[in-house]
Amino acid sequence: MVDLADDASWINKNVQVVTNYLTKEFENFAIGYHADRPLTHTFTVNNEKKFFKLVIGWPTLADRTVTSERINRLLTEEVAQEMRLHGENGYRWTISEP
């Protein structure tokens, strides 16, 4: 049987890793988060002049094999730069294989 509280804890931990990354990459921006279970996790960054969106599939952050270290690939895959390029339309990030 799946422990939903444990799953929520796992997902929250991964959401926090993404939020920390965005906070570092977008200084002086407000960071927002919305979960559309079971489809996506959507993160927004906004400073009232510019708005960027990052969309990550729900299974990515819920997957137990996706550790914080793997999510930190946001940096090496230049996700913030992709978000800037895609603007308000949003950037959909899929984690690469290890």
PDB file of N, CA and C in Angstrom:
ATOM      1  N   MET A   1       0.837  -1.181   0.000  1.00  0.00           N
ATOM      2  CA  MET A   1       0.000   0.000   0.000  1.00  0.00           C
ATOM      3  C   MET A   1       0.885   1.248   0.000  1.00  0.00           C
ATOM      4  N   VAL A   2       0.530   2.234  -0.781  1.00  0.00           N
ATOM      5  CA  VAL A   2       1.295   3.464  -0.898  1.00  0.00           C
ATOM      6  C   VAL A   2       0.949   4.389   0.257  1.00  0.00           C
ATOM      7  N   ASP A   3       1.956   4.931   0.893  1.00  0.00           N
ATOM      8  CA  ASP A   3       1.769   5.875   1.985  1.00  0.00           C
ATOM      9  C   ASP A   3       1.700   7.281   1.391  1.00  0.00           C
ATOM     10  N   LEU A   4       0.504   7.848   1.334  1.00  0.00           N
ATOM     11  CA  LEU A   4       0.309   9.149   0.703  1.00  0.00           C
ATOM     12  C   LEU A   4       1.049  10.258   1.431  1.00  0.00           C
ATOM     13  N   ALA A   5       1.142  10.180   2.746  1.00  0.00           N
ATOM     14  CA  ALA A   5       1.868  11.200   3.508  1.00  0.00           C
ATOM     15  C   ALA A   5       3.350  11.159   3.152  1.00  0.00           C
ATOM     16  N   ASP A   6       3.882   9.956   2.984  1.00  0.00           N
ATOM     17  CA  ASP A   6       5.282   9.802   2.609  1.00  0.00           C
ATOM     18  C   ASP A   6       5.510  10.332   1.190  1.00  0.00           C
ATOM     19  N   ASP A   7       4.559  10.055   0.281  1.00  0.00           N
ATOM     20  CA  ASP A   7       4.649  10.585  -1.082  1.00  0.00           C
ATOM     21  C   ASP A   7       4.623  12.105  -1.074  1.00  0.00           C
ATOM     22  N   ALA A   8       3.731  12.675  -0.280  1.00  0.00           N
ATOM     23  CA  ALA A   8       3.638  14.138  -0.194  1.00  0.00           C
ATOM     24  C   ALA A   8       4.945  14.717   0.326  1.00  0.00           C
ATOM     25  N   SER A   9       5.541  14.079   1.289  1.00  0.00           N
ATOM     26  CA  SER A   9       6.817  14.536   1.838  1.00  0.00           C
ATOM     27  C   SER A   9       7.910  14.498   0.774  1.00  0.00           C
ATOM     28  N   TRP A  10       7.940  13.425  -0.002  1.00  0.00           N
ATOM     29  CA  TRP A  10       8.923  13.274  -1.084  1.00  0.00           C
ATOM     30  C   TRP A  10       8.747  14.379  -2.128  1.00  0.00           C
ATOM     31  N   ILE A  11       7.509  14.588  -2.548  1.00  0.00           N
ATOM     32  CA  ILE A  11       7.218  15.615  -3.544  1.00  0.00           C
ATOM     33  C   ILE A  11       7.564  16.996  -3.004  1.00  0.00           C
ATOM     34  N   ASN A  12       7.179  17.277  -1.772  1.00  0.00           N
ATOM     35  CA  ASN A  12       7.476  18.583  -1.170  1.00  0.00           C
ATOM     36  C   ASN A  12       8.970  18.854  -1.114  1.00  0.00           C
ATOM     37  N   LYS A  13       9.727  17.833  -0.831  1.00  0.00           N
ATOM     38  CA  LYS A  13      11.189  17.963  -0.798  1.00  0.00           C
ATOM     39  C   LYS A  13      11.708  18.343  -2.195  1.00  0.00           C
ATOM     40  N   ASN A  14      11.208  17.679  -3.218  1.00  0.00           N
ATOM     41  CA  ASN A  14      11.637  17.977  -4.588  1.00  0.00           C
ATOM     42  C   ASN A  14      11.154  19.357  -5.036  1.00  0.00           C
ATOM     43  N   VAL A  15       9.949  19.740  -4.640  1.00  0.00           N
ATOM     44  CA  VAL A  15       9.442  21.079  -4.956  1.00  0.00           C
ATOM     45  C   VAL A  15      10.352  22.129  -4.331  1.00  0.00           C
ATOM     46  N   GLN A  16      10.808  21.876  -3.117  1.00  0.00           N
ATOM     47  CA  GLN A  16      11.689  22.828  -2.438  1.00  0.00           C
ATOM     48  C   GLN A  16      13.020  22.976  -3.173  1.00  0.00           C
ATOM     49  N   VAL A  17      13.554  21.899  -3.721  1.00  0.00           N
ATOM     50  CA  VAL A  17      14.794  21.971  -4.493  1.00  0.00           C
ATOM     51  C   VAL A  17      14.596  22.874  -5.712  1.00  0.00           C
ATOM     52  N   VAL A  18      13.482  22.707  -6.405  1.00  0.00           N
ATOM     53  CA  VAL A  18      13.196  23.542  -7.578  1.00  0.00           C
ATOM     54  C   VAL A  18      13.020  24.997  -7.152  1.00  0.00           C
ATOM     55  N   THR A  19      12.283  25.231  -6.091  1.00  0.00           N
ATOM     56  CA  THR A  19      12.056  26.592  -5.599  1.00  0.00           C
ATOM     57  C   THR A  19      13.367  27.263  -5.215  1.00  0.00           C
ATOM     58  N   ASN A  20      14.252  26.538  -4.539  1.00  0.00           N
ATOM     59  CA  ASN A  20      15.557  27.086  -4.160  1.00  0.00           C
ATOM     60  C   ASN A  20      16.367  27.471  -5.395  1.00  0.00           C
ATOM     61  N   TYR A  21      16.338  26.627  -6.403  1.00  0.00           N
ATOM     62  CA  TYR A  21      17.041  26.909  -7.659  1.00  0.00           C
ATOM     63  C   TYR A  21      16.503  28.192  -8.286  1.00  0.00           C
ATOM     64  N   LEU A  22      15.194  28.297  -8.389  1.00  0.00           N
ATOM     65  CA  LEU A  22      14.590  29.475  -9.016  1.00  0.00           C
ATOM     66  C   LEU A  22      14.877  30.741  -8.218  1.00  0.00           C
ATOM     67  N   THR A  23      14.887  30.642  -6.915  1.00  0.00           N
ATOM     68  CA  THR A  23      15.184  31.794  -6.064  1.00  0.00           C
ATOM     69  C   THR A  23      16.592  32.313  -6.331  1.00  0.00           C
ATOM     70  N   LYS A  24      17.532  31.404  -6.525  1.00  0.00           N
ATOM     71  CA  LYS A  24      18.918  31.800  -6.816  1.00  0.00           C
ATOM     72  C   LYS A  24      19.057  32.390  -8.216  1.00  0.00           C
ATOM     73  N   GLU A  25      18.334  31.824  -9.170  1.00  0.00           N
ATOM     74  CA  GLU A  25      18.452  32.251 -10.566  1.00  0.00           C
ATOM     75  C   GLU A  25      17.684  33.529 -10.879  1.00  0.00           C
ATOM     76  N   PHE A  26      16.625  33.788 -10.136  1.00  0.00           N
ATOM     77  CA  PHE A  26      15.779  34.953 -10.395  1.00  0.00           C
ATOM     78  C   PHE A  26      15.698  35.811  -9.130  1.00  0.00           C
ATOM     79  N   GLU A  27      16.770  36.509  -8.851  1.00  0.00           N
ATOM     80  CA  GLU A  27      16.808  37.377  -7.677  1.00  0.00           C
ATOM     81  C   GLU A  27      15.773  38.484  -7.828  1.00  0.00           C
ATOM     82  N   ASN A  28      15.155  38.845  -6.739  1.00  0.00           N
ATOM     83  CA  ASN A  28      14.149  39.914  -6.689  1.00  0.00           C
ATOM     84  C   ASN A  28      12.875  39.589  -7.471  1.00  0.00           C
ATOM     85  N   PHE A  29      12.615  38.316  -7.693  1.00  0.00           N
ATOM     86  CA  PHE A  29      11.377  37.862  -8.314  1.00  0.00           C
ATOM     87  C   PHE A  29      10.552  37.122  -7.259  1.00  0.00           C
ATOM     88  N   ALA A  30       9.247  37.228  -7.349  1.00  0.00           N
ATOM     89  CA  ALA A  30       8.371  36.416  -6.509  1.00  0.00           C
ATOM     90  C   ALA A  30       8.259  35.041  -7.157  1.00  0.00           C
ATOM     91  N   ILE A  31       8.356  34.013  -6.352  1.00  0.00           N
ATOM     92  CA  ILE A  31       8.272  32.634  -6.841  1.00  0.00           C
ATOM     93  C   ILE A  31       6.908  32.072  -6.441  1.00  0.00           C
ATOM     94  N   GLY A  32       6.203  31.519  -7.416  1.00  0.00           N
ATOM     95  CA  GLY A  32       4.920  30.892  -7.150  1.00  0.00           C
ATOM     96  C   GLY A  32       4.949  29.422  -7.526  1.00  0.00           C
ATOM     97  N   TYR A  33       4.042  28.667  -6.943  1.00  0.00           N
ATOM     98  CA  TYR A  33       3.968  27.234  -7.224  1.00  0.00           C
ATOM     99  C   TYR A  33       2.509  26.809  -7.234  1.00  0.00           C
ATOM    100  N   HIS A  34       2.167  25.978  -8.206  1.00  0.00           N
ATOM    101  CA  HIS A  34       0.825  25.419  -8.287  1.00  0.00           C
ATOM    102  C   HIS A  34       0.927  23.956  -8.719  1.00  0.00           C
ATOM    103  N   ALA A  35       0.251  23.083  -7.985  1.00  0.00           N
ATOM    104  CA  ALA A  35       0.203  21.665  -8.334  1.00  0.00           C
ATOM    105  C   ALA A  35      -1.127  21.357  -9.000  1.00  0.00           C
ATOM    106  N   ASP A  36      -1.061  20.740 -10.160  1.00  0.00           N
ATOM    107  CA  ASP A  36      -2.253  20.306 -10.879  1.00  0.00           C
ATOM    108  C   ASP A  36      -2.197  18.779 -10.943  1.00  0.00           C
ATOM    109  N   ARG A  37      -2.467  18.171  -9.793  1.00  0.00           N
ATOM    110  CA  ARG A  37      -2.361  16.725  -9.673  1.00  0.00           C
ATOM    111  C   ARG A  37      -3.375  16.041 -10.560  1.00  0.00           C
ATOM    112  N   PRO A  38      -3.044  15.049 -11.266  1.00  0.00           N
ATOM    113  CA  PRO A  38      -1.781  14.329 -11.372  1.00  0.00           C
ATOM    114  C   PRO A  38      -0.992  14.717 -12.623  1.00  0.00           C
ATOM    115  N   LEU A  39      -1.197  15.924 -13.127  1.00  0.00           N
ATOM    116  CA  LEU A  39      -0.586  16.297 -14.397  1.00  0.00           C
ATOM    117  C   LEU A  39       0.746  17.016 -14.260  1.00  0.00           C
ATOM    118  N   THR A  40       0.740  18.165 -13.604  1.00  0.00           N
ATOM    119  CA  THR A  40       1.942  19.003 -13.611  1.00  0.00           C
ATOM    120  C   THR A  40       2.186  19.723 -12.290  1.00  0.00           C
ATOM    121  N   HIS A  41       3.414  20.171 -12.178  1.00  0.00           N
ATOM    122  CA  HIS A  41       3.841  21.127 -11.158  1.00  0.00           C
ATOM    123  C   HIS A  41       4.228  22.367 -11.950  1.00  0.00           C
ATOM    124  N   THR A  42       3.648  23.506 -11.620  1.00  0.00           N
ATOM    125  CA  THR A  42       3.956  24.731 -12.345  1.00  0.00           C
ATOM    126  C   THR A  42       4.555  25.746 -11.392  1.00  0.00           C
ATOM    127  N   PHE A  43       5.720  26.247 -11.772  1.00  0.00           N
ATOM    128  CA  PHE A  43       6.426  27.263 -10.997  1.00  0.00           C
ATOM    129  C   PHE A  43       6.413  28.551 -11.810  1.00  0.00           C
ATOM    130  N   THR A  44       6.154  29.658 -11.154  1.00  0.00           N
ATOM    131  CA  THR A  44       6.178  30.944 -11.839  1.00  0.00           C
ATOM    132  C   THR A  44       7.157  31.871 -11.146  1.00  0.00           C
ATOM    133  N   VAL A  45       7.787  32.724 -11.925  1.00  0.00           N
ATOM    134  CA  VAL A  45       8.639  33.781 -11.378  1.00  0.00           C
ATOM    135  C   VAL A  45       8.154  35.090 -11.993  1.00  0.00           C
ATOM    136  N   ASN A  46       8.006  36.100 -11.134  1.00  0.00           N
ATOM    137  CA  ASN A  46       7.370  37.331 -11.574  1.00  0.00           C
ATOM    138  C   ASN A  46       7.948  38.505 -10.787  1.00  0.00           C
ATOM    139  N   ASN A  47       8.294  39.559 -11.509  1.00  0.00           N
ATOM    140  CA  ASN A  47       8.718  40.782 -10.824  1.00  0.00           C
ATOM    141  C   ASN A  47       7.856  41.968 -11.250  1.00  0.00           C
ATOM    142  N   GLU A  48       6.668  41.705 -11.736  1.00  0.00           N
ATOM    143  CA  GLU A  48       5.679  42.664 -12.210  1.00  0.00           C
ATOM    144  C   GLU A  48       6.041  43.293 -13.560  1.00  0.00           C
ATOM    145  N   LYS A  49       7.252  43.072 -14.039  1.00  0.00           N
ATOM    146  CA  LYS A  49       7.648  43.516 -15.373  1.00  0.00           C
ATOM    147  C   LYS A  49       7.845  42.316 -16.284  1.00  0.00           C
ATOM    148  N   LYS A  50       8.361  41.257 -15.701  1.00  0.00           N
ATOM    149  CA  LYS A  50       8.635  40.035 -16.460  1.00  0.00           C
ATOM    150  C   LYS A  50       8.000  38.855 -15.739  1.00  0.00           C
ATOM    151  N   PHE A  51       7.556  37.880 -16.545  1.00  0.00           N
ATOM    152  CA  PHE A  51       6.893  36.700 -16.018  1.00  0.00           C
ATOM    153  C   PHE A  51       7.425  35.485 -16.764  1.00  0.00           C
ATOM    154  N   PHE A  52       7.871  34.494 -16.022  1.00  0.00           N
ATOM    155  CA  PHE A  52       8.378  33.260 -16.617  1.00  0.00           C
ATOM    156  C   PHE A  52       7.705  32.082 -15.926  1.00  0.00           C
ATOM    157  N   LYS A  53       7.606  30.983 -16.664  1.00  0.00           N
ATOM    158  CA  LYS A  53       6.923  29.804 -16.130  1.00  0.00           C
ATOM    159  C   LYS A  53       7.732  28.550 -16.421  1.00  0.00           C
ATOM    160  N   LEU A  54       7.783  27.658 -15.442  1.00  0.00           N
ATOM    161  CA  LEU A  54       8.418  26.354 -15.575  1.00  0.00           C
ATOM    162  C   LEU A  54       7.380  25.296 -15.257  1.00  0.00           C
ATOM    163  N   VAL A  55       7.222  24.339 -16.162  1.00  0.00           N
ATOM    164  CA  VAL A  55       6.254  23.256 -15.969  1.00  0.00           C
ATOM    165  C   VAL A  55       7.028  21.939 -15.921  1.00  0.00           C
ATOM    166  N   ILE A  56       6.762  21.171 -14.877  1.00  0.00           N
ATOM    167  CA  ILE A  56       7.396  19.855 -14.711  1.00  0.00           C
ATOM    168  C   ILE A  56       6.271  18.842 -14.535  1.00  0.00           C
ATOM    169  N   GLY A  57       6.337  17.749 -15.275  1.00  0.00           N
ATOM    170  CA  GLY A  57       5.314  16.709 -15.166  1.00  0.00           C
ATOM    171  C   GLY A  57       5.218  16.157 -13.753  1.00  0.00           C
ATOM    172  N   TRP A  58       3.996  15.904 -13.316  1.00  0.00           N
ATOM    173  CA  TRP A  58       3.782  15.391 -11.958  1.00  0.00           C
ATOM    174  C   TRP A  58       4.632  14.154 -11.660  1.00  0.00           C
ATOM    175  N   PRO A  59       4.679  13.182 -12.558  1.00  0.00           N
ATOM    176  CA  PRO A  59       5.449  11.972 -12.254  1.00  0.00           C
ATOM    177  C   PRO A  59       6.931  12.236 -11.987  1.00  0.00           C
ATOM    178  N   THR A  60       7.500  13.277 -12.582  1.00  0.00           N
ATOM    179  CA  THR A  60       8.926  13.558 -12.380  1.00  0.00           C
ATOM    180  C   THR A  60       9.230  13.825 -10.918  1.00  0.00           C
ATOM    181  N   LEU A  61       8.465  14.690 -10.275  1.00  0.00           N
ATOM    182  CA  LEU A  61       8.756  15.028  -8.880  1.00  0.00           C
ATOM    183  C   LEU A  61       8.227  13.994  -7.897  1.00  0.00           C
ATOM    184  N   ALA A  62       7.332  13.125  -8.349  1.00  0.00           N
ATOM    185  CA  ALA A  62       6.808  12.071  -7.483  1.00  0.00           C
ATOM    186  C   ALA A  62       7.643  10.791  -7.557  1.00  0.00           C
ATOM    187  N   ASP A  63       8.460  10.669  -8.589  1.00  0.00           N
ATOM    188  CA  ASP A  63       9.262   9.464  -8.824  1.00  0.00           C
ATOM    189  C   ASP A  63      10.351   9.335  -7.756  1.00  0.00           C
ATOM    190  N   ARG A  64      10.362   8.227  -7.077  1.00  0.00           N
ATOM    191  CA  ARG A  64      11.349   7.993  -5.997  1.00  0.00           C
ATOM    192  C   ARG A  64      12.781   7.887  -6.510  1.00  0.00           C
ATOM    193  N   THR A  65      12.956   7.627  -7.796  1.00  0.00           N
ATOM    194  CA  THR A  65      14.322   7.559  -8.330  1.00  0.00           C
ATOM    195  C   THR A  65      14.859   8.937  -8.682  1.00  0.00           C
ATOM    196  N   VAL A  66      13.987   9.936  -8.634  1.00  0.00           N
ATOM    197  CA  VAL A  66      14.408  11.305  -8.918  1.00  0.00           C
ATOM    198  C   VAL A  66      14.790  11.956  -7.593  1.00  0.00           C
ATOM    199  N   THR A  67      16.072  11.915  -7.318  1.00  0.00           N
ATOM    200  CA  THR A  67      16.586  12.465  -6.064  1.00  0.00           C
ATOM    201  C   THR A  67      16.858  13.963  -6.219  1.00  0.00           C
ATOM    202  N   SER A  68      17.109  14.613  -5.111  1.00  0.00           N
ATOM    203  CA  SER A  68      17.446  16.037  -5.125  1.00  0.00           C
ATOM    204  C   SER A  68      18.659  16.288  -6.012  1.00  0.00           C
ATOM    205  N   GLU A  69      19.600  15.375  -5.999  1.00  0.00           N
ATOM    206  CA  GLU A  69      20.794  15.525  -6.825  1.00  0.00           C
ATOM    207  C   GLU A  69      20.437  15.525  -8.309  1.00  0.00           C
ATOM    208  N   ARG A  70      19.509  14.680  -8.700  1.00  0.00           N
ATOM    209  CA  ARG A  70      19.081  14.655 -10.104  1.00  0.00           C
ATOM    210  C   ARG A  70      18.309  15.917 -10.468  1.00  0.00           C
ATOM    211  N   ILE A  71      17.514  16.411  -9.547  1.00  0.00           N
ATOM    212  CA  ILE A  71      16.769  17.641  -9.817  1.00  0.00           C
ATOM    213  C   ILE A  71      17.723  18.820  -9.940  1.00  0.00           C
ATOM    214  N   ASN A  72      18.853  18.765  -9.275  1.00  0.00           N
ATOM    215  CA  ASN A  72      19.829  19.839  -9.381  1.00  0.00           C
ATOM    216  C   ASN A  72      20.405  19.968 -10.788  1.00  0.00           C
ATOM    217  N   ARG A  73      20.016  19.080 -11.683  1.00  0.00           N
ATOM    218  CA  ARG A  73      20.405  19.219 -13.094  1.00  0.00           C
ATOM    219  C   ARG A  73      19.765  20.448 -13.718  1.00  0.00           C
ATOM    220  N   LEU A  74      18.832  21.028 -13.007  1.00  0.00           N
ATOM    221  CA  LEU A  74      18.245  22.286 -13.471  1.00  0.00           C
ATOM    222  C   LEU A  74      19.361  23.270 -13.816  1.00  0.00           C
ATOM    223  N   LEU A  75      20.402  23.271 -13.008  1.00  0.00           N
ATOM    224  CA  LEU A  75      21.513  24.191 -13.209  1.00  0.00           C
ATOM    225  C   LEU A  75      22.331  23.811 -14.431  1.00  0.00           C
ATOM    226  N   THR A  76      22.744  22.566 -14.524  1.00  0.00           N
ATOM    227  CA  THR A  76      23.602  22.153 -15.634  1.00  0.00           C
ATOM    228  C   THR A  76      22.857  22.139 -16.967  1.00  0.00           C
ATOM    229  N   GLU A  77      21.545  22.004 -16.912  1.00  0.00           N
ATOM    230  CA  GLU A  77      20.763  22.018 -18.143  1.00  0.00           C
ATOM    231  C   GLU A  77      20.242  23.416 -18.461  1.00  0.00           C
ATOM    232  N   GLU A  78      20.696  24.397 -17.691  1.00  0.00           N
ATOM    233  CA  GLU A  78      20.379  25.816 -17.923  1.00  0.00           C
ATOM    234  C   GLU A  78      18.881  26.059 -18.075  1.00  0.00           C
ATOM    235  N   VAL A  79      18.126  25.517 -17.148  1.00  0.00           N
ATOM    236  CA  VAL A  79      16.675  25.646 -17.188  1.00  0.00           C
ATOM    237  C   VAL A  79      16.243  27.110 -17.059  1.00  0.00           C
ATOM    238  N   ALA A  80      16.905  27.887 -16.213  1.00  0.00           N
ATOM    239  CA  ALA A  80      16.535  29.299 -16.063  1.00  0.00           C
ATOM    240  C   ALA A  80      16.691  30.037 -17.396  1.00  0.00           C
ATOM    241  N   GLN A  81      17.742  29.734 -18.121  1.00  0.00           N
ATOM    242  CA  GLN A  81      17.946  30.365 -19.418  1.00  0.00           C
ATOM    243  C   GLN A  81      16.824  29.973 -20.392  1.00  0.00           C
ATOM    244  N   GLU A  82      16.446  28.715 -20.377  1.00  0.00           N
ATOM    245  CA  GLU A  82      15.341  28.254 -21.229  1.00  0.00           C
ATOM    246  C   GLU A  82      14.033  28.954 -20.843  1.00  0.00           C
ATOM    247  N   MET A  83      13.821  29.146 -19.550  1.00  0.00           N
ATOM    248  CA  MET A  83      12.622  29.842 -19.100  1.00  0.00           C
ATOM    249  C   MET A  83      12.605  31.266 -19.645  1.00  0.00           C
ATOM    250  N   ARG A  84      13.747  31.924 -19.614  1.00  0.00           N
ATOM    251  CA  ARG A  84      13.831  33.296 -20.136  1.00  0.00           C
ATOM    252  C   ARG A  84      13.527  33.322 -21.634  1.00  0.00           C
ATOM    253  N   LEU A  85      14.014  32.326 -22.358  1.00  0.00           N
ATOM    254  CA  LEU A  85      13.773  32.261 -23.797  1.00  0.00           C
ATOM    255  C   LEU A  85      12.298  32.015 -24.130  1.00  0.00           C
ATOM    256  N   HIS A  86      11.634  31.182 -23.337  1.00  0.00           N
ATOM    257  CA  HIS A  86      10.242  30.825 -23.604  1.00  0.00           C
ATOM    258  C   HIS A  86       9.251  31.826 -23.018  1.00  0.00           C
ATOM    259  N   GLY A  87       9.693  32.631 -22.075  1.00  0.00           N
ATOM    260  CA  GLY A  87       8.856  33.683 -21.502  1.00  0.00           C
ATOM    261  C   GLY A  87       7.564  33.191 -20.889  1.00  0.00           C
ATOM    262  N   GLU A  88       6.510  33.952 -21.130  1.00  0.00           N
ATOM    263  CA  GLU A  88       5.213  33.669 -20.528  1.00  0.00           C
ATOM    264  C   GLU A  88       4.593  32.366 -21.022  1.00  0.00           C
ATOM    265  N   ASN A  89       5.023  31.895 -22.180  1.00  0.00           N
ATOM    266  CA  ASN A  89       4.496  30.637 -22.703  1.00  0.00           C
ATOM    267  C   ASN A  89       4.924  29.456 -21.842  1.00  0.00           C
ATOM    268  N   GLY A  90       6.012  29.625 -21.143  1.00  0.00           N
ATOM    269  CA  GLY A  90       6.487  28.585 -20.229  1.00  0.00           C
ATOM    270  C   GLY A  90       7.439  27.606 -20.884  1.00  0.00           C
ATOM    271  N   TYR A  91       8.260  27.031 -20.051  1.00  0.00           N
ATOM    272  CA  TYR A  91       9.216  26.017 -20.480  1.00  0.00           C
ATOM    273  C   TYR A  91       8.860  24.723 -19.771  1.00  0.00           C
ATOM    274  N   ARG A  92       8.719  23.661 -20.530  1.00  0.00           N
ATOM    275  CA  ARG A  92       8.420  22.344 -19.961  1.00  0.00           C
ATOM    276  C   ARG A  92       9.724  21.564 -19.852  1.00  0.00           C
ATOM    277  N   TRP A  93      10.110  21.258 -18.614  1.00  0.00           N
ATOM    278  CA  TRP A  93      11.375  20.569 -18.368  1.00  0.00           C
ATOM    279  C   TRP A  93      11.110  19.098 -18.058  1.00  0.00           C
ATOM    280  N   THR A  94      11.872  18.253 -18.738  1.00  0.00           N
ATOM    281  CA  THR A  94      11.855  16.822 -18.477  1.00  0.00           C
ATOM    282  C   THR A  94      13.261  16.442 -18.072  1.00  0.00           C
ATOM    283  N   ILE A  95      13.374  15.801 -16.931  1.00  0.00           N
ATOM    284  CA  ILE A  95      14.686  15.430 -16.417  1.00  0.00           C
ATOM    285  C   ILE A  95      15.356  14.427 -17.341  1.00  0.00           C
ATOM    286  N   SER A  96      16.630  14.623 -17.583  1.00  0.00           N
ATOM    287  CA  SER A  96      17.371  13.701 -18.436  1.00  0.00           C
ATOM    288  C   SER A  96      17.743  12.438 -17.638  1.00  0.00           C
ATOM    289  N   GLU A  97      18.055  11.420 -18.362  1.00  0.00           N
ATOM    290  CA  GLU A  97      18.448  10.149 -17.703  1.00  0.00           C
ATOM    291  C   GLU A  97      19.791  10.331 -17.017  1.00  0.00           C
ATOM    292  N   PRO A  98      20.028   9.542 -15.964  1.00  0.00           N
ATOM    293  CA  PRO A  98      21.304   9.677 -15.211  1.00  0.00           C
ATOM    294  C   PRO A  98      22.513   9.368 -16.055  1.00  0.00           C
TER     295      PRO A  98
END
